[in-house]
PDB file of N, CA and C in Angstrom:
ATOM      1  N   UNK A   1      -5.717  -3.579  11.264  1.00  0.00           N
ATOM      2  CA  UNK A   1      -6.539  -3.854  12.380  1.00  0.00           C
ATOM      3  C   UNK A   1      -5.902  -5.692  12.951  1.00  0.00           C
ATOM      4  N   UNK A   2      -5.427  -6.036  11.758  1.00  0.00           N
ATOM      5  CA  UNK A   2      -5.972  -7.945  11.305  1.00  0.00           C
ATOM      6  C   UNK A   2      -4.361  -8.035  12.607  1.00  0.00           C
ATOM      7  N   UNK A   3      -3.327  -6.899  12.845  1.00  0.00           N
ATOM      8  CA  UNK A   3      -2.202  -7.071  13.475  1.00  0.00           C
ATOM      9  C   UNK A   3      -2.786  -7.134  15.031  1.00  0.00           C
ATOM     10  N   UNK A   4      -3.266  -5.818  15.422  1.00  0.00           N
ATOM     11  CA  UNK A   4      -3.967  -5.420  17.011  1.00  0.00           C
ATOM     12  C   UNK A   4      -4.759  -6.523  16.802  1.00  0.00           C
ATOM     13  N   UNK A   5      -5.409  -7.357  16.055  1.00  0.00           N
ATOM     14  CA  UNK A   5      -6.683  -8.208  16.291  1.00  0.00           C
ATOM     15  C   UNK A   5      -5.946  -9.476  17.131  1.00  0.00           C
ATOM     16  N   UNK A   6      -4.940  -9.970  16.382  1.00  0.00           N
ATOM     17  CA  UNK A   6      -4.341 -11.254  16.490  1.00  0.00           C
ATOM     18  C   UNK A   6      -2.997 -11.495  17.788  1.00  0.00           C
ATOM     19  N   UNK A   7      -2.572 -10.287  18.148  1.00  0.00           N
ATOM     20  CA  UNK A   7      -2.482  -9.795  19.384  1.00  0.00           C
ATOM     21  C   UNK A   7      -3.123  -9.524  20.373  1.00  0.00           C
ATOM     22  N   UNK A   8      -4.148  -9.145  20.191  1.00  0.00           N
ATOM     23  CA  UNK A   8      -5.270  -9.632  21.583  1.00  0.00           C
ATOM     24  C   UNK A   8      -5.210  -8.109  21.967  1.00  0.00           C
ATOM     25  N   UNK A   9      -4.934  -7.140  20.932  1.00  0.00           N
ATOM     26  CA  UNK A   9      -4.947  -5.714  21.745  1.00  0.00           C
ATOM     27  C   UNK A   9      -6.671  -5.757  22.143  1.00  0.00           C
ATOM     28  N   UNK A  10      -7.671  -5.981  21.534  1.00  0.00           N
ATOM     29  CA  UNK A  10      -9.170  -5.752  21.813  1.00  0.00           C
ATOM     30  C   UNK A  10      -9.819  -7.167  22.730  1.00  0.00           C
ATOM     31  N   UNK A  11      -9.069  -7.780  23.381  1.00  0.00           N
ATOM     32  CA  UNK A  11      -9.351  -8.806  24.082  1.00  0.00           C
ATOM     33  C   UNK A  11      -9.457 -10.077  23.291  1.00  0.00           C
ATOM     34  N   UNK A  12      -9.076 -11.415  24.551  1.00  0.00           N
ATOM     35  CA  UNK A  12      -8.627 -12.693  24.154  1.00  0.00           C
ATOM     36  C   UNK A  12      -9.766 -12.968  23.431  1.00  0.00           C
ATOM     37  N   UNK A  13     -10.694 -12.596  23.676  1.00  0.00           N
ATOM     38  CA  UNK A  13     -12.233 -13.767  22.972  1.00  0.00           C
ATOM     39  C   UNK A  13     -12.109 -13.349  21.244  1.00  0.00           C
ATOM     40  N   UNK A  14     -11.908 -12.122  20.962  1.00  0.00           N
ATOM     41  CA  UNK A  14     -11.728 -11.888  20.035  1.00  0.00           C
ATOM     42  C   UNK A  14     -10.646 -12.435  19.047  1.00  0.00           C
ATOM     43  N   UNK A  15      -9.602 -11.909  19.785  1.00  0.00           N
ATOM     44  CA  UNK A  15      -8.487 -12.885  19.212  1.00  0.00           C
ATOM     45  C   UNK A  15      -9.204 -14.462  19.103  1.00  0.00           C
ATOM     46  N   UNK A  16      -8.895 -15.003  19.786  1.00  0.00           N
ATOM     47  CA  UNK A  16      -9.213 -16.515  19.388  1.00  0.00           C
ATOM     48  C   UNK A  16     -10.899 -16.814  18.324  1.00  0.00           C
ATOM     49  N   UNK A  17     -11.730 -15.811  18.363  1.00  0.00           N
ATOM     50  CA  UNK A  17     -12.724 -16.038  17.330  1.00  0.00           C
ATOM     51  C   UNK A  17     -12.324 -15.411  15.734  1.00  0.00           C
ATOM     52  N   UNK A  18     -11.393 -14.607  16.057  1.00  0.00           N
ATOM     53  CA  UNK A  18     -11.206 -14.165  14.231  1.00  0.00           C
ATOM     54  C   UNK A  18     -10.248 -15.150  13.490  1.00  0.00           C
ATOM     55  N   UNK A  19     -10.971 -14.806  12.233  1.00  0.00           N
ATOM     56  CA  UNK A  19     -10.346 -15.538  11.386  1.00  0.00           C
ATOM     57  C   UNK A  19      -9.512 -14.867  10.132  1.00  0.00           C
ATOM     58  N   UNK A  20      -8.650 -15.089  11.004  1.00  0.00           N
ATOM     59  CA  UNK A  20      -7.612 -13.916   9.647  1.00  0.00           C
ATOM     60  C   UNK A  20      -7.612 -14.508   8.087  1.00  0.00           C
ATOM     61  N   UNK A  21      -7.912 -15.748   8.113  1.00  0.00           N
ATOM     62  CA  UNK A  21      -8.066 -15.933   6.521  1.00  0.00           C
ATOM     63  C   UNK A  21      -9.188 -15.423   6.160  1.00  0.00           C
ATOM     64  N   UNK A  22     -10.000 -14.538   6.529  1.00  0.00           N
ATOM     65  CA  UNK A  22     -10.840 -14.375   5.920  1.00  0.00           C
ATOM     66  C   UNK A  22     -10.892 -13.093   5.692  1.00  0.00           C
ATOM     67  N   UNK A  23      -9.513 -11.955   6.598  1.00  0.00           N
ATOM     68  CA  UNK A  23      -8.913 -10.869   6.168  1.00  0.00           C
ATOM     69  C   UNK A  23      -8.177 -11.078   5.055  1.00  0.00           C
ATOM     70  N   UNK A  24      -7.429 -12.536   4.773  1.00  0.00           N
ATOM     71  CA  UNK A  24      -6.728 -12.712   3.271  1.00  0.00           C
ATOM     72  C   UNK A  24      -7.372 -12.384   2.444  1.00  0.00           C
ATOM     73  N   UNK A  25      -8.915 -12.963   2.731  1.00  0.00           N
ATOM     74  CA  UNK A  25      -9.576 -12.834   0.932  1.00  0.00           C
ATOM     75  C   UNK A  25      -9.735 -10.635   0.675  1.00  0.00           C
ATOM     76  N   UNK A  26      -9.947 -10.018   1.727  1.00  0.00           N
ATOM     77  CA  UNK A  26     -10.700  -8.693   1.871  1.00  0.00           C
ATOM     78  C   UNK A  26      -9.193  -8.196   1.203  1.00  0.00           C
ATOM     79  N   UNK A  27      -8.214  -8.798   1.345  1.00  0.00           N
ATOM     80  CA  UNK A  27      -6.737  -7.952   0.981  1.00  0.00           C
ATOM     81  C   UNK A  27      -6.422  -8.287  -0.349  1.00  0.00           C
ATOM     82  N   UNK A  28      -6.896  -9.357  -0.644  1.00  0.00           N
ATOM     83  CA  UNK A  28      -6.679  -9.876  -1.920  1.00  0.00           C
ATOM     84  C   UNK A  28      -7.842  -9.173  -2.883  1.00  0.00           C
ATOM     85  N   UNK A  29      -8.638  -8.823  -2.504  1.00  0.00           N
ATOM     86  CA  UNK A  29      -9.731  -7.685  -3.232  1.00  0.00           C
ATOM     87  C   UNK A  29      -9.318  -6.600  -3.390  1.00  0.00           C
ATOM     88  N   UNK A  30      -9.029  -5.859  -2.114  1.00  0.00           N
ATOM     89  CA  UNK A  30      -8.330  -4.845  -2.540  1.00  0.00           C
ATOM     90  C   UNK A  30      -7.174  -4.694  -3.160  1.00  0.00           C
ATOM     91  N   UNK A  31      -6.599  -5.974  -3.720  1.00  0.00           N
ATOM     92  CA  UNK A  31      -4.972  -5.732  -4.215  1.00  0.00           C
ATOM     93  C   UNK A  31      -5.249  -6.124  -5.910  1.00  0.00           C
ATOM     94  N   UNK A  32      -6.281  -5.994  -5.861  1.00  0.00           N
ATOM     95  CA  UNK A  32      -6.831  -6.738  -7.690  1.00  0.00           C
ATOM     96  C   UNK A  32      -7.664  -5.075  -7.873  1.00  0.00           C
ATOM     97  N   UNK A  33      -8.029  -4.686  -7.333  1.00  0.00           N
ATOM     98  CA  UNK A  33      -8.541  -3.305  -7.176  1.00  0.00           C
ATOM     99  C   UNK A  33      -7.433  -2.422  -7.539  1.00  0.00           C
ATOM    100  N   UNK A  34      -6.584  -2.543  -6.639  1.00  0.00           N
ATOM    101  CA  UNK A  34      -5.416  -1.142  -6.728  1.00  0.00           C
ATOM    102  C   UNK A  34      -4.410  -1.811  -7.919  1.00  0.00           C
ATOM    103  N   UNK A  35      -4.542  -3.160  -8.411  1.00  0.00           N
ATOM    104  CA  UNK A  35      -3.590  -3.632  -9.808  1.00  0.00           C
ATOM    105  C   UNK A  35      -4.621  -2.559 -11.009  1.00  0.00           C
ATOM    106  N   UNK A  36      -5.546  -2.651 -10.699  1.00  0.00           N
ATOM    107  CA  UNK A  36      -7.005  -1.856 -11.554  1.00  0.00           C
ATOM    108  C   UNK A  36      -6.160  -0.313 -11.978  1.00  0.00           C
ATOM    109  N   UNK A  37      -6.009   0.020 -10.764  1.00  0.00           N
ATOM    110  CA  UNK A  37      -5.347   1.790 -10.164  1.00  0.00           C
ATOM    111  C   UNK A  37      -3.962   1.488 -10.971  1.00  0.00           C
ATOM    112  N   UNK A  38      -3.026   0.764 -10.951  1.00  0.00           N
ATOM    113  CA  UNK A  38      -2.212   1.021 -11.390  1.00  0.00           C
ATOM    114  C   UNK A  38      -1.732   0.994 -12.859  1.00  0.00           C
ATOM    115  N   UNK A  39      -2.850   0.279 -13.430  1.00  0.00           N
ATOM    116  CA  UNK A  39      -2.941  -0.050 -14.706  1.00  0.00           C
ATOM    117  C   UNK A  39      -3.091   1.459 -15.214  1.00  0.00           C
ATOM    118  N   UNK A  40      -4.148   2.224 -14.404  1.00  0.00           N
ATOM    119  CA  UNK A  40      -4.169   3.617 -14.620  1.00  0.00           C
ATOM    120  C   UNK A  40      -3.416   4.769 -14.569  1.00  0.00           C
ATOM    121  N   UNK A  41      -2.423   4.274 -13.311  1.00  0.00           N
ATOM    122  CA  UNK A  41      -1.371   5.071 -13.153  1.00  0.00           C
ATOM    123  C   UNK A  41      -0.013   4.904 -14.189  1.00  0.00           C
ATOM    124  N   UNK A  42      -0.460   4.264 -15.154  1.00  0.00           N
ATOM    125  CA  UNK A  42       0.553   4.481 -16.277  1.00  0.00           C
ATOM    126  C   UNK A  42       0.515   5.607 -16.864  1.00  0.00           C
ATOM    127  N   UNK A  43      -0.630   6.400 -16.450  1.00  0.00           N
ATOM    128  CA  UNK A  43      -1.334   7.536 -17.601  1.00  0.00           C
ATOM    129  C   UNK A  43      -0.673   8.980 -16.367  1.00  0.00           C
ATOM    130  N   UNK A  44      -0.209   8.349 -15.503  1.00  0.00           N
ATOM    131  CA  UNK A  44       0.258   9.668 -14.421  1.00  0.00           C
ATOM    132  C   UNK A  44       1.289   9.382 -14.332  1.00  0.00           C
ATOM    133  N   UNK A  45       2.259  10.153 -13.108  1.00  0.00           N
ATOM    134  CA  UNK A  45       3.493  10.179 -12.821  1.00  0.00           C
ATOM    135  C   UNK A  45       4.206   8.949 -12.974  1.00  0.00           C
ATOM    136  N   UNK A  46       5.292   8.911 -12.884  1.00  0.00           N
ATOM    137  CA  UNK A  46       6.034   7.808 -12.445  1.00  0.00           C
ATOM    138  C   UNK A  46       5.804   7.513 -10.670  1.00  0.00           C
ATOM    139  N   UNK A  47       5.988   9.053 -10.144  1.00  0.00           N
ATOM    140  CA  UNK A  47       6.217   8.321  -8.579  1.00  0.00           C
ATOM    141  C   UNK A  47       4.517   8.302  -8.697  1.00  0.00           C
ATOM    142  N   UNK A  48       3.243   8.151  -8.609  1.00  0.00           N
ATOM    143  CA  UNK A  48       2.403   7.814  -8.688  1.00  0.00           C
ATOM    144  C   UNK A  48       2.380   6.345  -9.184  1.00  0.00           C
ATOM    145  N   UNK A  49       3.062   5.864 -10.124  1.00  0.00           N
ATOM    146  CA  UNK A  49       2.872   4.628 -10.393  1.00  0.00           C
ATOM    147  C   UNK A  49       3.639   3.697  -8.916  1.00  0.00           C
ATOM    148  N   UNK A  50       4.767   4.508  -9.246  1.00  0.00           N
ATOM    149  CA  UNK A  50       5.375   3.791  -7.950  1.00  0.00           C
ATOM    150  C   UNK A  50       4.850   3.396  -6.999  1.00  0.00           C
ATOM    151  N   UNK A  51       4.151   4.430  -6.427  1.00  0.00           N
ATOM    152  CA  UNK A  51       3.160   4.041  -5.492  1.00  0.00           C
ATOM    153  C   UNK A  51       2.400   3.004  -5.399  1.00  0.00           C
ATOM    154  N   UNK A  52       1.264   3.370  -6.580  1.00  0.00           N
ATOM    155  CA  UNK A  52       0.724   2.380  -6.757  1.00  0.00           C
ATOM    156  C   UNK A  52       1.364   0.596  -7.189  1.00  0.00           C
ATOM    157  N   UNK A  53       2.388   0.447  -7.058  1.00  0.00           N
ATOM    158  CA  UNK A  53       2.964  -0.362  -7.335  1.00  0.00           C
ATOM    159  C   UNK A  53       3.465  -1.290  -5.630  1.00  0.00           C
ATOM    160  N   UNK A  54       3.407   0.017  -5.127  1.00  0.00           N
ATOM    161  CA  UNK A  54       3.838  -0.451  -3.992  1.00  0.00           C
ATOM    162  C   UNK A  54       2.851  -0.949  -2.943  1.00  0.00           C
ATOM    163  N   UNK A  55       1.593  -0.430  -3.235  1.00  0.00           N
ATOM    164  CA  UNK A  55       0.420  -0.412  -2.527  1.00  0.00           C
ATOM    165  C   UNK A  55      -0.204  -1.868  -3.015  1.00  0.00           C
ATOM    166  N   UNK A  56       0.210  -2.464  -3.800  1.00  0.00           N
ATOM    167  CA  UNK A  56      -0.108  -3.870  -4.675  1.00  0.00           C
ATOM    168  C   UNK A  56       0.712  -5.053  -3.834  1.00  0.00           C
ATOM    169  N   UNK A  57       1.906  -4.444  -3.666  1.00  0.00           N
ATOM    170  CA  UNK A  57       2.650  -4.994  -2.612  1.00  0.00           C
ATOM    171  C   UNK A  57       2.514  -5.210  -1.213  1.00  0.00           C
ATOM    172  N   UNK A  58       2.338  -4.036  -0.966  1.00  0.00           N
ATOM    173  CA  UNK A  58       1.540  -4.033   0.228  1.00  0.00           C
ATOM    174  C   UNK A  58       0.153  -5.438   0.673  1.00  0.00           C
ATOM    175  N   UNK A  59      -0.599  -5.255  -0.450  1.00  0.00           N
ATOM    176  CA  UNK A  59      -1.866  -6.144   0.061  1.00  0.00           C
ATOM    177  C   UNK A  59      -1.471  -7.420  -0.078  1.00  0.00           C
ATOM    178  N   UNK A  60      -0.359  -7.544  -1.239  1.00  0.00           N
ATOM    179  CA  UNK A  60       0.228  -9.014  -1.444  1.00  0.00           C
ATOM    180  C   UNK A  60       0.494  -9.663   0.072  1.00  0.00           C
ATOM    181  N   UNK A  61       1.138  -8.574   0.619  1.00  0.00           N
ATOM    182  CA  UNK A  61       2.107  -9.089   2.101  1.00  0.00           C
ATOM    183  C   UNK A  61       0.991  -9.121   2.836  1.00  0.00           C
ATOM    184  N   UNK A  62       0.130  -8.043   2.942  1.00  0.00           N
ATOM    185  CA  UNK A  62      -0.883  -8.632   3.814  1.00  0.00           C
ATOM    186  C   UNK A  62      -1.631  -9.661   3.810  1.00  0.00           C
ATOM    187  N   UNK A  63      -2.089 -10.399   2.741  1.00  0.00           N
ATOM    188  CA  UNK A  63      -2.678 -11.380   2.029  1.00  0.00           C
ATOM    189  C   UNK A  63      -2.140 -12.530   2.669  1.00  0.00           C
ATOM    190  N   UNK A  64      -1.051 -12.389   2.283  1.00  0.00           N
ATOM    191  CA  UNK A  64       0.231 -14.013   2.400  1.00  0.00           C
ATOM    192  C   UNK A  64       0.562 -14.360   3.536  1.00  0.00           C
ATOM    193  N   UNK A  65       0.229 -13.387   4.691  1.00  0.00           N
ATOM    194  CA  UNK A  65       0.931 -13.202   5.737  1.00  0.00           C
ATOM    195  C   UNK A  65      -0.713 -13.840   6.584  1.00  0.00           C
ATOM    196  N   UNK A  66      -1.780 -12.976   6.093  1.00  0.00           N
ATOM    197  CA  UNK A  66      -2.671 -13.403   6.917  1.00  0.00           C
ATOM    198  C   UNK A  66      -3.567 -14.878   6.479  1.00  0.00           C
ATOM    199  N   UNK A  67      -2.711 -15.531   5.495  1.00  0.00           N
ATOM    200  CA  UNK A  67      -3.228 -17.034   4.886  1.00  0.00           C
ATOM    201  C   UNK A  67      -2.139 -17.951   5.665  1.00  0.00           C
ATOM    202  N   UNK A  68      -1.415 -17.590   6.495  1.00  0.00           N
ATOM    203  CA  UNK A  68       0.185 -18.018   7.196  1.00  0.00           C
ATOM    204  C   UNK A  68       1.193 -18.555   6.004  1.00  0.00           C
ATOM    205  N   UNK A  69       1.429 -18.010   5.246  1.00  0.00           N
ATOM    206  CA  UNK A  69       2.613 -18.253   4.320  1.00  0.00           C
ATOM    207  C   UNK A  69       3.889 -17.582   4.520  1.00  0.00           C
ATOM    208  N   UNK A  70       4.137 -17.082   6.350  1.00  0.00           N
ATOM    209  CA  UNK A  70       5.149 -17.011   6.651  1.00  0.00           C
ATOM    210  C   UNK A  70       5.469 -15.808   7.144  1.00  0.00           C
ATOM    211  N   UNK A  71       5.838 -15.192   8.496  1.00  0.00           N
ATOM    212  CA  UNK A  71       6.058 -14.287   8.751  1.00  0.00           C
ATOM    213  C   UNK A  71       6.960 -12.914   7.976  1.00  0.00           C
ATOM    214  N   UNK A  72       7.578 -13.837   7.260  1.00  0.00           N
ATOM    215  CA  UNK A  72       8.718 -12.687   6.346  1.00  0.00           C
ATOM    216  C   UNK A  72       7.641 -11.876   5.588  1.00  0.00           C
ATOM    217  N   UNK A  73       6.240 -12.510   5.116  1.00  0.00           N
ATOM    218  CA  UNK A  73       5.487 -11.515   4.344  1.00  0.00           C
ATOM    219  C   UNK A  73       4.953 -10.234   5.309  1.00  0.00           C
ATOM    220  N   UNK A  74       4.902 -10.639   6.553  1.00  0.00           N
ATOM    221  CA  UNK A  74       4.575  -9.561   7.042  1.00  0.00           C
ATOM    222  C   UNK A  74       5.516  -8.178   7.014  1.00  0.00           C
ATOM    223  N   UNK A  75       6.624  -8.763   7.313  1.00  0.00           N
ATOM    224  CA  UNK A  75       7.880  -7.826   7.126  1.00  0.00           C
ATOM    225  C   UNK A  75       8.191  -7.105   6.050  1.00  0.00           C
ATOM    226  N   UNK A  76       7.668  -7.941   4.834  1.00  0.00           N
ATOM    227  CA  UNK A  76       7.702  -7.448   3.410  1.00  0.00           C
ATOM    228  C   UNK A  76       6.518  -5.977   2.990  1.00  0.00           C
ATOM    229  N   UNK A  77       5.284  -6.585   3.944  1.00  0.00           N
ATOM    230  CA  UNK A  77       3.764  -5.405   4.148  1.00  0.00           C
ATOM    231  C   UNK A  77       4.315  -4.070   4.912  1.00  0.00           C
ATOM    232  N   UNK A  78       5.505  -4.433   6.205  1.00  0.00           N
ATOM    233  CA  UNK A  78       5.885  -3.294   7.027  1.00  0.00           C
ATOM    234  C   UNK A  78       6.468  -2.653   6.199  1.00  0.00           C
ATOM    235  N   UNK A  79       7.690  -2.879   5.517  1.00  0.00           N
ATOM    236  CA  UNK A  79       8.342  -2.145   4.595  1.00  0.00           C
ATOM    237  C   UNK A  79       7.218  -1.393   3.350  1.00  0.00           C
ATOM    238  N   UNK A  80       6.910  -2.096   2.994  1.00  0.00           N
ATOM    239  CA  UNK A  80       6.269  -1.354   1.752  1.00  0.00           C
ATOM    240  C   UNK A  80       5.456  -0.606   2.252  1.00  0.00           C
ATOM    241  N   UNK A  81       4.410  -0.593   3.727  1.00  0.00           N
ATOM    242  CA  UNK A  81       3.513   0.612   4.003  1.00  0.00           C
ATOM    243  C   UNK A  81       4.860   1.713   4.388  1.00  0.00           C
ATOM    244  N   UNK A  82       5.996   1.228   4.984  1.00  0.00           N
ATOM    245  CA  UNK A  82       6.903   2.517   5.352  1.00  0.00           C
ATOM    246  C   UNK A  82       7.198   3.205   4.003  1.00  0.00           C
ATOM    247  N   UNK A  83       7.322   3.119   2.958  1.00  0.00           N
ATOM    248  CA  UNK A  83       7.678   3.140   1.524  1.00  0.00           C
ATOM    249  C   UNK A  83       6.767   4.037   0.920  1.00  0.00           C
ATOM    250  N   UNK A  84       5.772   3.212   1.229  1.00  0.00           N
ATOM    251  CA  UNK A  84       4.324   4.068   0.538  1.00  0.00           C
ATOM    252  C   UNK A  84       4.340   5.296   1.183  1.00  0.00           C
ATOM    253  N   UNK A  85       4.359   5.748   2.834  1.00  0.00           N
ATOM    254  CA  UNK A  85       4.221   6.628   3.633  1.00  0.00           C
ATOM    255  C   UNK A  85       5.355   7.735   2.801  1.00  0.00           C
ATOM    256  N   UNK A  86       6.499   7.622   2.706  1.00  0.00           N
ATOM    257  CA  UNK A  86       7.388   8.424   2.747  1.00  0.00           C
ATOM    258  C   UNK A  86       7.259   8.912   0.977  1.00  0.00           C
ATOM    259  N   UNK A  87       7.029   7.723   0.440  1.00  0.00           N
ATOM    260  CA  UNK A  87       6.668   8.162  -0.751  1.00  0.00           C
ATOM    261  C   UNK A  87       5.530   9.182  -1.274  1.00  0.00           C
ATOM    262  N   UNK A  88       4.303   8.690  -0.903  1.00  0.00           N
ATOM    263  CA  UNK A  88       2.965   9.774  -0.262  1.00  0.00           C
ATOM    264  C   UNK A  88       3.666  11.054  -0.095  1.00  0.00           C
ATOM    265  N   UNK A  89       4.650  11.350   0.973  1.00  0.00           N
ATOM    266  CA  UNK A  89       5.080  12.741   1.531  1.00  0.00           C
ATOM    267  C   UNK A  89       5.766  13.301   0.055  1.00  0.00           C
ATOM    268  N   UNK A  90       6.193  13.349  -0.432  1.00  0.00           N
ATOM    269  CA  UNK A  90       7.317  13.030  -1.649  1.00  0.00           C
ATOM    270  C   UNK A  90       6.140  13.933  -2.564  1.00  0.00           C
ATOM    271  N   UNK A  91       5.315  13.314  -3.121  1.00  0.00           N
ATOM    272  CA  UNK A  91       4.601  13.288  -3.796  1.00  0.00           C
ATOM    273  C   UNK A  91       3.667  14.476  -3.172  1.00  0.00           C
ATOM    274  N   UNK A  92       3.145  14.226  -2.233  1.00  0.00           N
ATOM    275  CA  UNK A  92       2.280  15.815  -1.593  1.00  0.00           C
ATOM    276  C   UNK A  92       3.245  17.109  -1.646  1.00  0.00           C
ATOM    277  N   UNK A  93       4.561  16.913  -1.438  1.00  0.00           N
ATOM    278  CA  UNK A  93       5.186  18.350  -1.142  1.00  0.00           C
ATOM    279  C   UNK A  93       5.606  18.725  -3.007  1.00  0.00           C
ATOM    280  N   UNK A  94       5.338  17.115  -3.428  1.00  0.00           N
ATOM    281  CA  UNK A  94       5.767  17.973  -4.931  1.00  0.00           C
ATOM    282  C   UNK A  94       4.348  19.010  -5.851  1.00  0.00           C
ATOM    283  N   UNK A  95       3.220  18.322  -5.177  1.00  0.00           N
ATOM    284  CA  UNK A  95       1.963  18.596  -5.649  1.00  0.00           C
ATOM    285  C   UNK A  95       2.084  20.061  -5.013  1.00  0.00           C
ATOM    286  N   UNK A  96       2.193  20.116  -3.996  1.00  0.00           N
ATOM    287  CA  UNK A  96       1.923  21.609  -3.358  1.00  0.00           C
ATOM    288  C   UNK A  96       2.750  22.663  -3.950  1.00  0.00           C
ATOM    289  N   UNK A  97       4.329  22.746  -3.562  1.00  0.00           N
ATOM    290  CA  UNK A  97       5.625  23.726  -4.273  1.00  0.00           C
ATOM    291  C   UNK A  97       5.696  23.629  -5.749  1.00  0.00           C
ATOM    292  N   UNK A  98       5.057  22.418  -6.593  1.00  0.00           N
ATOM    293  CA  UNK A  98       5.199  22.752  -8.162  1.00  0.00           C
ATOM    294  C   UNK A  98       3.994  23.395  -8.346  1.00  0.00           C
ATOM    295  N   UNK A  99       2.973  23.345  -7.361  1.00  0.00           N
ATOM    296  CA  UNK A  99       1.650  24.746  -7.773  1.00  0.00           C
ATOM    297  C   UNK A  99       2.200  25.993  -7.263  1.00  0.00           C
ATOM    298  N   UNK A 100       2.359  26.159  -6.120  1.00  0.00           N
ATOM    299  CA  UNK A 100       2.188  26.965  -4.907  1.00  0.00           C
ATOM    300  C   UNK A 100       3.691  28.153  -6.156  1.00  0.00           C
ATOM    301  N   UNK A 101       4.700  27.153  -6.574  1.00  0.00           N
ATOM    302  CA  UNK A 101       6.039  28.207  -7.390  1.00  0.00           C
ATOM    303  C   UNK A 101       5.421  28.595  -8.764  1.00  0.00           C
ATOM    304  N   UNK A 102       4.442  27.668  -9.326  1.00  0.00           N
ATOM    305  CA  UNK A 102       4.242  27.501 -10.966  1.00  0.00           C
ATOM    306  C   UNK A 102       5.477  26.934 -11.620  1.00  0.00           C
ATOM    307  N   UNK A 103       6.035  26.369 -11.468  1.00  0.00           N
ATOM    308  CA  UNK A 103       7.490  25.870 -12.198  1.00  0.00           C
ATOM    309  C   UNK A 103       7.854  23.821 -11.546  1.00  0.00           C
ATOM    310  N   UNK A 104       8.327  22.935 -12.080  1.00  0.00           N
ATOM    311  CA  UNK A 104       8.880  22.234 -11.697  1.00  0.00           C
ATOM    312  C   UNK A 104       9.969  22.078 -10.584  1.00  0.00           C
ATOM    313  N   UNK A 105       9.549  22.088  -9.168  1.00  0.00           N
ATOM    314  CA  UNK A 105      10.777  21.935  -8.399  1.00  0.00           C
ATOM    315  C   UNK A 105      11.134  20.393  -8.076  1.00  0.00           C
ATOM    316  N   UNK A 106      10.023  20.285  -7.874  1.00  0.00           N
ATOM    317  CA  UNK A 106      10.486  18.662  -7.219  1.00  0.00           C
ATOM    318  C   UNK A 106       9.682  17.858  -7.863  1.00  0.00           C
ATOM    319  N   UNK A 107      10.442  16.850  -8.954  1.00  0.00           N
ATOM    320  CA  UNK A 107      10.238  16.067  -9.760  1.00  0.00           C
ATOM    321  C   UNK A 107       9.363  14.921  -9.421  1.00  0.00           C
ATOM    322  N   UNK A 108       8.435  14.737 -10.238  1.00  0.00           N
ATOM    323  CA  UNK A 108       7.700  13.521 -10.656  1.00  0.00           C
ATOM    324  C   UNK A 108       7.793  12.625 -11.483  1.00  0.00           C
ATOM    325  N   UNK A 109       8.468  12.740 -12.792  1.00  0.00           N
ATOM    326  CA  UNK A 109       8.590  12.101 -13.350  1.00  0.00           C
ATOM    327  C   UNK A 109       7.385  11.750 -14.501  1.00  0.00           C
ATOM    328  N   UNK A 110       7.659  11.837 -15.835  1.00  0.00           N
ATOM    329  CA  UNK A 110       6.553  11.775 -16.753  1.00  0.00           C
ATOM    330  C   UNK A 110       5.756  10.647 -16.720  1.00  0.00           C
ATOM    331  N   UNK A 111       4.432  10.501 -17.315  1.00  0.00           N
ATOM    332  CA  UNK A 111       4.139   9.720 -17.311  1.00  0.00           C
ATOM    333  C   UNK A 111       4.689   8.671 -18.346  1.00  0.00           C
ATOM    334  N   UNK A 112       4.487   6.772 -17.981  1.00  0.00           N
ATOM    335  CA  UNK A 112       5.025   6.121 -18.672  1.00  0.00           C
ATOM    336  C   UNK A 112       4.308   6.242 -20.071  1.00  0.00           C
ATOM    337  N   UNK A 113       3.106   5.852 -20.142  1.00  0.00           N
ATOM    338  CA  UNK A 113       2.127   6.008 -21.345  1.00  0.00           C
ATOM    339  C   UNK A 113       1.791   7.101 -21.483  1.00  0.00           C
ATOM    340  N   UNK A 114       1.670   7.905 -22.741  1.00  0.00           N
ATOM    341  CA  UNK A 114       1.207   9.135 -22.919  1.00  0.00           C
ATOM    342  C   UNK A 114      -0.295   9.377 -23.648  1.00  0.00           C
TER     343      UNK A 114
END
């Protein structure tokens, strides 16, 4: 949404009135929440842990882009989001296929902490 607002997709008035730095603080809040989830991800599969790390990177990139720290952070967020979607499809396939066949066909890795 922040990207669409900055591009003016919802009108020039909104694009000029929005303070994207406020969105940066929202992204930082979600990043802190995701860091907590990532700690719990140590007891999940390795694939879930990597997914949570990628979500932290996504929110970091979005926050730094919103704070105006350089357009490279927008690219970091975009690539992190692409990796998140691909890994999510992999985890979904693993959950479905492993459950359906009753054995480990698509590996997701054991938990880091047991």
